[in-house]
Amino acid sequence: MANVVKLTLEAWRVNAGLTQKEASKLLKVSNTTLCNWETGKSHPSSRKIDLICKVYGCHYDNIKFLPNNSL
């Protein structure tokens, strides 16, 4: 089985060439909400995850929902 590359939400956003402000607008959430998702303080709903995948051009299996400095 191939290794699945997992990136954080922040990394996917940056790879998509979006600022937090641009991404939060496309995802229809506040900058604070997006920041909380990226830092692991909260997690997006399944509906928002679907939208994140569409906006960032990734698959759910490739998203690491905890920041790099977490366990």
PDB file of N, CA and C in Angstrom:
ATOM      1  N   MET A   1       0.834  -1.171   0.000  1.00  0.00           N
ATOM      2  CA  MET A   1       0.000   0.000   0.000  1.00  0.00           C
ATOM      3  C   MET A   1       0.887   1.247   0.000  1.00  0.00           C
ATOM      4  N   ALA A   2       0.535   2.225  -0.803  1.00  0.00           N
ATOM      5  CA  ALA A   2       1.318   3.444  -0.916  1.00  0.00           C
ATOM      6  C   ALA A   2       1.181   4.291   0.343  1.00  0.00           C
ATOM      7  N   ASN A   3       2.256   5.000   0.650  1.00  0.00           N
ATOM      8  CA  ASN A   3       2.207   5.919   1.787  1.00  0.00           C
ATOM      9  C   ASN A   3       1.313   7.096   1.455  1.00  0.00           C
ATOM     10  N   VAL A   4       0.504   7.481   2.403  1.00  0.00           N
ATOM     11  CA  VAL A   4      -0.388   8.626   2.227  1.00  0.00           C
ATOM     12  C   VAL A   4       0.301   9.848   2.828  1.00  0.00           C
ATOM     13  N   VAL A   5       0.490  10.860   2.012  1.00  0.00           N
ATOM     14  CA  VAL A   5       1.100  12.097   2.496  1.00  0.00           C
ATOM     15  C   VAL A   5       0.035  12.897   3.223  1.00  0.00           C
ATOM     16  N   LYS A   6       0.308  13.215   4.473  1.00  0.00           N
ATOM     17  CA  LYS A   6      -0.634  14.001   5.262  1.00  0.00           C
ATOM     18  C   LYS A   6      -0.019  15.356   5.554  1.00  0.00           C
ATOM     19  N   LEU A   7      -0.770  16.394   5.252  1.00  0.00           N
ATOM     20  CA  LEU A   7      -0.350  17.752   5.545  1.00  0.00           C
ATOM     21  C   LEU A   7      -1.383  18.406   6.449  1.00  0.00           C
ATOM     22  N   THR A   8      -0.943  19.383   7.214  1.00  0.00           N
ATOM     23  CA  THR A   8      -1.853  20.122   8.081  1.00  0.00           C
ATOM     24  C   THR A   8      -2.766  21.007   7.241  1.00  0.00           C
ATOM     25  N   LEU A   9      -3.834  21.468   7.856  1.00  0.00           N
ATOM     26  CA  LEU A   9      -4.730  22.396   7.162  1.00  0.00           C
ATOM     27  C   LEU A   9      -3.970  23.647   6.726  1.00  0.00           C
ATOM     28  N   GLU A  10      -3.079  24.126   7.576  1.00  0.00           N
ATOM     29  CA  GLU A  10      -2.296  25.307   7.213  1.00  0.00           C
ATOM     30  C   GLU A  10      -1.443  25.031   5.974  1.00  0.00           C
ATOM     31  N   ALA A  11      -0.797  23.881   5.934  1.00  0.00           N
ATOM     32  CA  ALA A  11       0.046  23.543   4.781  1.00  0.00           C
ATOM     33  C   ALA A  11      -0.785  23.433   3.505  1.00  0.00           C
ATOM     34  N   TRP A  12      -1.955  22.818   3.585  1.00  0.00           N
ATOM     35  CA  TRP A  12      -2.818  22.730   2.397  1.00  0.00           C
ATOM     36  C   TRP A  12      -3.242  24.118   1.937  1.00  0.00           C
ATOM     37  N   ARG A  13      -3.564  24.988   2.884  1.00  0.00           N
ATOM     38  CA  ARG A  13      -3.958  26.352   2.529  1.00  0.00           C
ATOM     39  C   ARG A  13      -2.824  27.083   1.826  1.00  0.00           C
ATOM     40  N   VAL A  14      -1.633  26.990   2.402  1.00  0.00           N
ATOM     41  CA  VAL A  14      -0.462  27.657   1.817  1.00  0.00           C
ATOM     42  C   VAL A  14      -0.158  27.077   0.436  1.00  0.00           C
ATOM     43  N   ASN A  15      -0.238  25.756   0.315  1.00  0.00           N
ATOM     44  CA  ASN A  15       0.002  25.110  -0.987  1.00  0.00           C
ATOM     45  C   ASN A  15      -1.024  25.540  -2.026  1.00  0.00           C
ATOM     46  N   ALA A  16      -2.223  25.891  -1.569  1.00  0.00           N
ATOM     47  CA  ALA A  16      -3.263  26.375  -2.486  1.00  0.00           C
ATOM     48  C   ALA A  16      -3.052  27.851  -2.835  1.00  0.00           C
ATOM     49  N   GLY A  17      -2.048  28.474  -2.218  1.00  0.00           N
ATOM     50  CA  GLY A  17      -1.729  29.862  -2.500  1.00  0.00           C
ATOM     51  C   GLY A  17      -2.696  30.855  -1.887  1.00  0.00           C
ATOM     52  N   LEU A  18      -3.282  30.467  -0.743  1.00  0.00           N
ATOM     53  CA  LEU A  18      -4.289  31.316  -0.103  1.00  0.00           C
ATOM     54  C   LEU A  18      -3.801  31.856   1.232  1.00  0.00           C
ATOM     55  N   THR A  19      -4.163  33.092   1.517  1.00  0.00           N
ATOM     56  CA  THR A  19      -3.953  33.643   2.851  1.00  0.00           C
ATOM     57  C   THR A  19      -5.084  33.135   3.738  1.00  0.00           C
ATOM     58  N   GLN A  20      -4.947  33.321   5.048  1.00  0.00           N
ATOM     59  CA  GLN A  20      -6.050  32.939   5.939  1.00  0.00           C
ATOM     60  C   GLN A  20      -7.302  33.726   5.605  1.00  0.00           C
ATOM     61  N   LYS A  21      -7.140  34.992   5.305  1.00  0.00           N
ATOM     62  CA  LYS A  21      -8.294  35.836   4.983  1.00  0.00           C
ATOM     63  C   LYS A  21      -9.001  35.333   3.721  1.00  0.00           C
ATOM     64  N   GLU A  22      -8.238  35.010   2.691  1.00  0.00           N
ATOM     65  CA  GLU A  22      -8.828  34.508   1.442  1.00  0.00           C
ATOM     66  C   GLU A  22      -9.517  33.164   1.663  1.00  0.00           C
ATOM     67  N   ALA A  23      -8.841  32.273   2.381  1.00  0.00           N
ATOM     68  CA  ALA A  23      -9.397  30.945   2.628  1.00  0.00           C
ATOM     69  C   ALA A  23     -10.658  31.023   3.478  1.00  0.00           C
ATOM     70  N   SER A  24     -10.641  31.853   4.509  1.00  0.00           N
ATOM     71  CA  SER A  24     -11.817  31.940   5.380  1.00  0.00           C
ATOM     72  C   SER A  24     -13.020  32.466   4.595  1.00  0.00           C
ATOM     73  N   LYS A  25     -12.778  33.355   3.664  1.00  0.00           N
ATOM     74  CA  LYS A  25     -13.868  33.868   2.829  1.00  0.00           C
ATOM     75  C   LYS A  25     -14.436  32.760   1.937  1.00  0.00           C
ATOM     76  N   LEU A  26     -13.554  31.992   1.305  1.00  0.00           N
ATOM     77  CA  LEU A  26     -13.997  30.892   0.442  1.00  0.00           C
ATOM     78  C   LEU A  26     -14.708  29.794   1.235  1.00  0.00           C
ATOM     79  N   LEU A  27     -14.279  29.585   2.477  1.00  0.00           N
ATOM     80  CA  LEU A  27     -14.861  28.543   3.322  1.00  0.00           C
ATOM     81  C   LEU A  27     -16.058  29.041   4.130  1.00  0.00           C
ATOM     82  N   LYS A  28     -16.332  30.344   3.998  1.00  0.00           N
ATOM     83  CA  LYS A  28     -17.480  30.962   4.681  1.00  0.00           C
ATOM     84  C   LYS A  28     -17.414  30.800   6.197  1.00  0.00           C
ATOM     85  N   VAL A  29     -16.208  31.069   6.736  1.00  0.00           N
ATOM     86  CA  VAL A  29     -16.000  31.065   8.181  1.00  0.00           C
ATOM     87  C   VAL A  29     -15.168  32.295   8.541  1.00  0.00           C
ATOM     88  N   SER A  30     -15.098  32.614   9.814  1.00  0.00           N
ATOM     89  CA  SER A  30     -14.285  33.743  10.254  1.00  0.00           C
ATOM     90  C   SER A  30     -12.797  33.357  10.242  1.00  0.00           C
ATOM     91  N   ASN A  31     -11.951  34.375  10.242  1.00  0.00           N
ATOM     92  CA  ASN A  31     -10.508  34.125  10.346  1.00  0.00           C
ATOM     93  C   ASN A  31     -10.196  33.374  11.639  1.00  0.00           C
ATOM     94  N   THR A  32     -10.905  33.730  12.714  1.00  0.00           N
ATOM     95  CA  THR A  32     -10.693  33.075  14.006  1.00  0.00           C
ATOM     96  C   THR A  32     -11.013  31.588  13.925  1.00  0.00           C
ATOM     97  N   THR A  33     -12.115  31.254  13.278  1.00  0.00           N
ATOM     98  CA  THR A  33     -12.489  29.844  13.131  1.00  0.00           C
ATOM     99  C   THR A  33     -11.425  29.084  12.358  1.00  0.00           C
ATOM    100  N   LEU A  34     -10.982  29.647  11.244  1.00  0.00           N
ATOM    101  CA  LEU A  34      -9.951  28.987  10.439  1.00  0.00           C
ATOM    102  C   LEU A  34      -8.664  28.830  11.245  1.00  0.00           C
ATOM    103  N   CYS A  35      -8.288  29.851  11.980  1.00  0.00           N
ATOM    104  CA  CYS A  35      -7.098  29.783  12.824  1.00  0.00           C
ATOM    105  C   CYS A  35      -7.239  28.672  13.868  1.00  0.00           C
ATOM    106  N   ASN A  36      -8.420  28.554  14.472  1.00  0.00           N
ATOM    107  CA  ASN A  36      -8.663  27.496  15.459  1.00  0.00           C
ATOM    108  C   ASN A  36      -8.556  26.114  14.836  1.00  0.00           C
ATOM    109  N   TRP A  37      -9.028  25.960  13.606  1.00  0.00           N
ATOM    110  CA  TRP A  37      -8.888  24.675  12.909  1.00  0.00           C
ATOM    111  C   TRP A  37      -7.413  24.371  12.655  1.00  0.00           C
ATOM    112  N   GLU A  38      -6.678  25.385  12.210  1.00  0.00           N
ATOM    113  CA  GLU A  38      -5.274  25.180  11.864  1.00  0.00           C
ATOM    114  C   GLU A  38      -4.413  24.895  13.082  1.00  0.00           C
ATOM    115  N   THR A  39      -4.786  25.392  14.230  1.00  0.00           N
ATOM    116  CA  THR A  39      -4.015  25.158  15.456  1.00  0.00           C
ATOM    117  C   THR A  39      -4.527  23.970  16.272  1.00  0.00           C
ATOM    118  N   GLY A  40      -5.605  23.349  15.810  1.00  0.00           N
ATOM    119  CA  GLY A  40      -6.143  22.190  16.502  1.00  0.00           C
ATOM    120  C   GLY A  40      -7.015  22.517  17.692  1.00  0.00           C
ATOM    121  N   LYS A  41      -7.370  23.794  17.877  1.00  0.00           N
ATOM    122  CA  LYS A  41      -8.236  24.184  18.997  1.00  0.00           C
ATOM    123  C   LYS A  41      -9.676  23.748  18.765  1.00  0.00           C
ATOM    124  N   SER A  42     -10.054  23.617  17.507  1.00  0.00           N
ATOM    125  CA  SER A  42     -11.374  23.092  17.151  1.00  0.00           C
ATOM    126  C   SER A  42     -11.234  22.402  15.805  1.00  0.00           C
ATOM    127  N   HIS A  43     -12.288  21.718  15.403  1.00  0.00           N
ATOM    128  CA  HIS A  43     -12.240  20.957  14.156  1.00  0.00           C
ATOM    129  C   HIS A  43     -13.452  21.291  13.300  1.00  0.00           C
ATOM    130  N   PRO A  44     -13.249  21.284  11.982  1.00  0.00           N
ATOM    131  CA  PRO A  44     -14.373  21.588  11.084  1.00  0.00           C
ATOM    132  C   PRO A  44     -15.397  20.466  11.061  1.00  0.00           C
ATOM    133  N   SER A  45     -16.635  20.839  10.736  1.00  0.00           N
ATOM    134  CA  SER A  45     -17.694  19.848  10.565  1.00  0.00           C
ATOM    135  C   SER A  45     -17.441  19.064   9.281  1.00  0.00           C
ATOM    136  N   SER A  46     -18.148  17.966   9.110  1.00  0.00           N
ATOM    137  CA  SER A  46     -17.966  17.164   7.896  1.00  0.00           C
ATOM    138  C   SER A  46     -18.322  17.964   6.647  1.00  0.00           C
ATOM    139  N   ARG A  47     -19.323  18.831   6.736  1.00  0.00           N
ATOM    140  CA  ARG A  47     -19.677  19.683   5.593  1.00  0.00           C
ATOM    141  C   ARG A  47     -18.525  20.615   5.236  1.00  0.00           C
ATOM    142  N   LYS A  48     -17.923  21.194   6.255  1.00  0.00           N
ATOM    143  CA  LYS A  48     -16.796  22.099   6.012  1.00  0.00           C
ATOM    144  C   LYS A  48     -15.578  21.337   5.505  1.00  0.00           C
ATOM    145  N   ILE A  49     -15.384  20.115   5.977  1.00  0.00           N
ATOM    146  CA  ILE A  49     -14.273  19.303   5.477  1.00  0.00           C
ATOM    147  C   ILE A  49     -14.430  19.064   3.981  1.00  0.00           C
ATOM    148  N   ASP A  50     -15.639  18.770   3.541  1.00  0.00           N
ATOM    149  CA  ASP A  50     -15.890  18.590   2.106  1.00  0.00           C
ATOM    150  C   ASP A  50     -15.528  19.852   1.332  1.00  0.00           C
ATOM    151  N   LEU A  51     -15.898  21.010   1.872  1.00  0.00           N
ATOM    152  CA  LEU A  51     -15.598  22.280   1.213  1.00  0.00           C
ATOM    153  C   LEU A  51     -14.091  22.555   1.245  1.00  0.00           C
ATOM    154  N   ILE A  52     -13.447  22.258   2.349  1.00  0.00           N
ATOM    155  CA  ILE A  52     -11.995  22.422   2.457  1.00  0.00           C
ATOM    156  C   ILE A  52     -11.298  21.612   1.366  1.00  0.00           C
ATOM    157  N   CYS A  53     -11.703  20.368   1.205  1.00  0.00           N
ATOM    158  CA  CYS A  53     -11.097  19.503   0.191  1.00  0.00           C
ATOM    159  C   CYS A  53     -11.278  20.089  -1.207  1.00  0.00           C
ATOM    160  N   LYS A  54     -12.444  20.640  -1.460  1.00  0.00           N
ATOM    161  CA  LYS A  54     -12.717  21.237  -2.771  1.00  0.00           C
ATOM    162  C   LYS A  54     -11.863  22.491  -2.975  1.00  0.00           C
ATOM    163  N   VAL A  55     -11.850  23.369  -1.992  1.00  0.00           N
ATOM    164  CA  VAL A  55     -11.117  24.638  -2.103  1.00  0.00           C
ATOM    165  C   VAL A  55      -9.608  24.397  -2.158  1.00  0.00           C
ATOM    166  N   TYR A  56      -9.088  23.489  -1.350  1.00  0.00           N
ATOM    167  CA  TYR A  56      -7.651  23.251  -1.273  1.00  0.00           C
ATOM    168  C   TYR A  56      -7.169  22.213  -2.285  1.00  0.00           C
ATOM    169  N   GLY A  57      -8.093  21.513  -2.931  1.00  0.00           N
ATOM    170  CA  GLY A  57      -7.707  20.507  -3.926  1.00  0.00           C
ATOM    171  C   GLY A  57      -7.035  19.302  -3.308  1.00  0.00           C
ATOM    172  N   CYS A  58      -7.574  18.852  -2.177  1.00  0.00           N
ATOM    173  CA  CYS A  58      -6.989  17.702  -1.494  1.00  0.00           C
ATOM    174  C   CYS A  58      -8.078  16.690  -1.161  1.00  0.00           C
ATOM    175  N   HIS A  59      -7.667  15.575  -0.615  1.00  0.00           N
ATOM    176  CA  HIS A  59      -8.575  14.525  -0.179  1.00  0.00           C
ATOM    177  C   HIS A  59      -8.528  14.444   1.345  1.00  0.00           C
ATOM    178  N   TYR A  60      -9.642  14.096   1.939  1.00  0.00           N
ATOM    179  CA  TYR A  60      -9.758  13.987   3.403  1.00  0.00           C
ATOM    180  C   TYR A  60      -8.626  13.159   4.005  1.00  0.00           C
ATOM    181  N   ASP A  61      -8.269  12.060   3.356  1.00  0.00           N
ATOM    182  CA  ASP A  61      -7.224  11.174   3.880  1.00  0.00           C
ATOM    183  C   ASP A  61      -5.857  11.840   3.938  1.00  0.00           C
ATOM    184  N   ASN A  62      -5.692  12.959   3.241  1.00  0.00           N
ATOM    185  CA  ASN A  62      -4.409  13.648   3.204  1.00  0.00           C
ATOM    186  C   ASN A  62      -4.328  14.825   4.175  1.00  0.00           C
ATOM    187  N   ILE A  63      -5.370  15.010   4.982  1.00  0.00           N
ATOM    188  CA  ILE A  63      -5.377  16.128   5.927  1.00  0.00           C
ATOM    189  C   ILE A  63      -5.003  15.627   7.323  1.00  0.00           C
ATOM    190  N   LYS A  64      -4.029  16.301   7.911  1.00  0.00           N
ATOM    191  CA  LYS A  64      -3.631  16.046   9.295  1.00  0.00           C
ATOM    192  C   LYS A  64      -4.301  17.148  10.118  1.00  0.00           C
ATOM    193  N   PHE A  65      -5.218  16.799  10.984  1.00  0.00           N
ATOM    194  CA  PHE A  65      -6.025  17.781  11.702  1.00  0.00           C
ATOM    195  C   PHE A  65      -5.377  18.327  12.963  1.00  0.00           C
ATOM    196  N   LEU A  66      -4.152  17.966  13.237  1.00  0.00           N
ATOM    197  CA  LEU A  66      -3.422  18.539  14.359  1.00  0.00           C
ATOM    198  C   LEU A  66      -2.211  19.278  13.803  1.00  0.00           C
ATOM    199  N   PRO A  67      -1.815  20.367  14.425  1.00  0.00           N
ATOM    200  CA  PRO A  67      -0.640  21.090  13.941  1.00  0.00           C
ATOM    201  C   PRO A  67       0.619  20.242  14.092  1.00  0.00           C
ATOM    202  N   ASN A  68       1.663  20.580  13.364  1.00  0.00           N
ATOM    203  CA  ASN A  68       2.911  19.808  13.371  1.00  0.00           C
ATOM    204  C   ASN A  68       3.545  19.671  14.743  1.00  0.00           C
ATOM    205  N   ASN A  69       3.341  20.645  15.629  1.00  0.00           N
ATOM    206  CA  ASN A  69       3.988  20.580  16.939  1.00  0.00           C
ATOM    207  C   ASN A  69       3.169  19.791  17.959  1.00  0.00           C
ATOM    208  N   SER A  70       2.089  19.136  17.519  1.00  0.00           N
ATOM    209  CA  SER A  70       1.291  18.298  18.425  1.00  0.00           C
ATOM    210  C   SER A  70       1.796  16.866  18.424  1.00  0.00           C
ATOM    211  N   LEU A  71       1.297  16.105  19.356  1.00  0.00           N
ATOM    212  CA  LEU A  71       1.675  14.690  19.434  1.00  0.00           C
ATOM    213  C   LEU A  71       1.378  14.009  18.198  1.00  0.00           C
TER     214      LEU A  71
END
